[in-house]
């Protein structure tokens, strides 16, 4: 089982979008038995940003039940991949962690700017698809 963690500071925007798209691909590509996904933030917010919920709903993804959560060392201890957005893996990974990390340089789009959040949503969706294409080819073939 390949474990992937998507992490940002507040776990209220970027990492929530990445996780939602990853879960969608996990289902579409029938990878539930080969890929597990976790998300969290180093300083989680109280709730997912309403604009993020809105722009994901526009593409048919419902995350109204999601709550930001703190990422823990246990979450990533057995993860093969950690994708960070706005934070450093050094802030939460166990000292002996030997997985692969990717940093996605994604600026926080701010609030009340739906066009910027839509643009970031589309970029995150493409990045997640590209990421899955790479890891599926290299790690999850039977």
Protein backbone atom coordinates (compact mmCIF):
# COMPACT_ATOMS: atom_id res chain seq x y z
CA UNK A 1 0.00 0.00 0.00
CA UNK A 2 1.37 3.38 -1.06
CA UNK A 3 0.59 6.14 1.44
CA UNK A 4 0.48 9.79 0.38
CA UNK A 5 0.17 12.80 2.69
CA UNK A 6 -0.92 16.23 1.48
CA UNK A 7 0.10 18.90 3.97
CA UNK A 8 -0.16 22.68 4.24
CA UNK A 9 -0.22 25.16 7.08
CA UNK A 10 -3.93 25.42 7.91
CA UNK A 11 -5.33 22.32 6.17
CA UNK A 12 -8.23 24.50 5.15
CA UNK A 13 -7.52 25.12 1.47
CA UNK A 14 -4.69 23.81 -0.69
CA UNK A 15 -4.17 20.45 1.01
CA UNK A 16 -7.93 19.90 1.21
CA UNK A 17 -8.23 20.47 -2.54
CA UNK A 18 -5.29 18.16 -3.28
CA UNK A 19 -6.73 15.47 -1.03
CA UNK A 20 -10.15 15.73 -2.66
CA UNK A 21 -8.68 15.36 -6.14
CA UNK A 22 -6.44 12.50 -5.00
CA UNK A 23 -9.41 10.67 -3.52
CA UNK A 24 -11.32 11.20 -6.75
CA UNK A 25 -8.45 9.69 -8.77
CA UNK A 26 -8.05 6.89 -6.26
CA UNK A 27 -11.66 5.95 -6.95
CA UNK A 28 -11.59 6.54 -10.73
CA UNK A 29 -8.43 4.49 -11.17
CA UNK A 30 -9.58 1.78 -8.75
CA UNK A 31 -6.59 2.24 -6.48
CA UNK A 32 -8.32 1.98 -3.10
CA UNK A 33 -6.50 -1.25 -2.32
CA UNK A 34 -3.13 0.19 -3.40
CA UNK A 35 -3.11 3.88 -2.36
CA UNK A 36 -4.05 5.50 0.94
CA UNK A 37 -4.31 9.25 1.45
CA UNK A 38 -3.96 11.42 4.53
CA UNK A 39 -4.03 15.18 4.98
CA UNK A 40 -3.30 17.66 7.71
CA UNK A 41 -1.80 20.99 8.61
CA UNK A 42 0.93 22.17 10.92
CA UNK A 43 -1.41 24.82 12.36
CA UNK A 44 -4.93 23.72 11.40
CA UNK A 45 -7.77 26.21 11.06
CA UNK A 46 -11.17 25.73 12.66
CA UNK A 47 -12.92 25.00 9.36
CA UNK A 48 -12.31 24.53 5.66
CA UNK A 49 -12.48 27.82 3.76
CA UNK A 50 -15.99 28.37 2.40
CA UNK A 51 -14.60 29.48 -0.98
CA UNK A 52 -12.69 26.20 -1.27
CA UNK A 53 -15.89 24.27 -0.59
CA UNK A 54 -17.61 26.39 -3.26
CA UNK A 55 -15.02 25.93 -6.00
CA UNK A 56 -14.78 22.19 -5.41
CA UNK A 57 -18.56 21.92 -5.50
CA UNK A 58 -18.42 23.60 -8.92
CA UNK A 59 -16.52 20.56 -10.22
CA UNK A 60 -18.73 18.03 -8.46
CA UNK A 61 -16.70 17.40 -5.30
CA UNK A 62 -18.43 17.78 -1.94
CA UNK A 63 -16.16 18.44 1.04
CA UNK A 64 -18.73 20.08 3.31
CA UNK A 65 -18.10 17.45 5.98
CA UNK A 66 -14.31 17.99 6.08
CA UNK A 67 -12.56 19.41 9.13
CA UNK A 68 -8.96 20.62 9.20
CA UNK A 69 -6.71 18.45 11.32
CA UNK A 70 -3.17 18.55 12.63
CA UNK A 71 -0.64 16.45 10.77
CA UNK A 72 1.29 14.15 13.10
CA UNK A 73 4.52 12.20 12.94
CA UNK A 74 2.42 9.03 13.02
CA UNK A 75 0.55 10.21 9.91
CA UNK A 76 3.75 10.37 7.89
CA UNK A 77 5.89 7.72 9.58
CA UNK A 78 4.79 5.10 7.05
CA UNK A 79 4.07 7.46 4.13
CA UNK A 80 6.06 6.94 0.97
CA UNK A 81 5.23 10.43 -0.30
CA UNK A 82 4.56 13.75 1.39
CA UNK A 83 3.47 16.72 -0.68
CA UNK A 84 3.81 20.04 1.12
CA UNK A 85 2.25 23.36 0.21
CA UNK A 86 3.51 26.30 2.23
CA UNK A 87 5.22 24.39 5.02
CA UNK A 88 8.38 22.37 5.55
CA UNK A 89 8.45 18.63 6.11
CA UNK A 90 10.99 19.29 8.88
CA UNK A 91 8.14 20.71 10.94
CA UNK A 92 6.32 17.38 11.32
CA UNK A 93 8.21 14.39 9.92
CA UNK A 94 9.88 11.89 12.24
CA UNK A 95 13.66 12.20 12.30
CA UNK A 96 14.11 8.79 10.70
CA UNK A 97 11.52 9.31 7.92
CA UNK A 98 12.98 8.25 4.58
CA UNK A 99 10.13 8.84 2.14
CA UNK A 100 9.97 11.17 -0.83
CA UNK A 101 8.84 14.74 -0.46
CA UNK A 102 7.59 17.21 -3.02
CA UNK A 103 7.06 20.88 -2.38
CA UNK A 104 4.36 22.56 -4.41
CA UNK A 105 4.99 26.30 -4.37
CA UNK A 106 1.39 27.46 -4.21
CA UNK A 107 0.67 30.90 -2.83
CA UNK A 108 -2.29 31.31 -0.56
CA UNK A 109 -4.86 32.93 -2.90
CA UNK A 110 -6.48 34.98 -0.16
CA UNK A 111 -10.14 35.03 0.65
CA UNK A 112 -13.03 36.47 -1.32
CA UNK A 113 -11.23 36.01 -4.63
CA UNK A 114 -13.08 33.14 -6.27
CA UNK A 115 -11.28 33.52 -9.60
CA UNK A 116 -7.89 33.10 -7.90
CA UNK A 117 -9.16 30.12 -5.92
CA UNK A 118 -10.62 28.55 -9.07
CA UNK A 119 -7.29 29.01 -10.82
CA UNK A 120 -5.48 27.38 -7.92
CA UNK A 121 -8.05 24.56 -7.85
CA UNK A 122 -7.35 23.84 -11.51
CA UNK A 123 -3.59 23.94 -10.97
CA UNK A 124 -3.85 21.59 -7.98
CA UNK A 125 -6.05 19.20 -9.95
CA UNK A 126 -3.45 19.05 -12.72
CA UNK A 127 -0.60 18.59 -10.25
CA UNK A 128 -2.42 15.75 -8.50
CA UNK A 129 -3.12 14.03 -11.84
CA UNK A 130 0.53 14.39 -12.87
CA UNK A 131 1.66 13.12 -9.47
CA UNK A 132 -0.62 10.06 -9.67
CA UNK A 133 0.60 9.32 -13.20
CA UNK A 134 4.20 9.29 -11.94
CA UNK A 135 3.67 7.21 -8.82
CA UNK A 136 1.17 4.84 -10.39
CA UNK A 137 3.69 3.94 -13.08
CA UNK A 138 6.58 3.52 -10.70
CA UNK A 139 5.01 2.11 -7.54
CA UNK A 140 1.56 0.60 -7.88
CA UNK A 141 1.80 -1.76 -10.81
CA UNK A 142 0.84 -5.30 -9.81
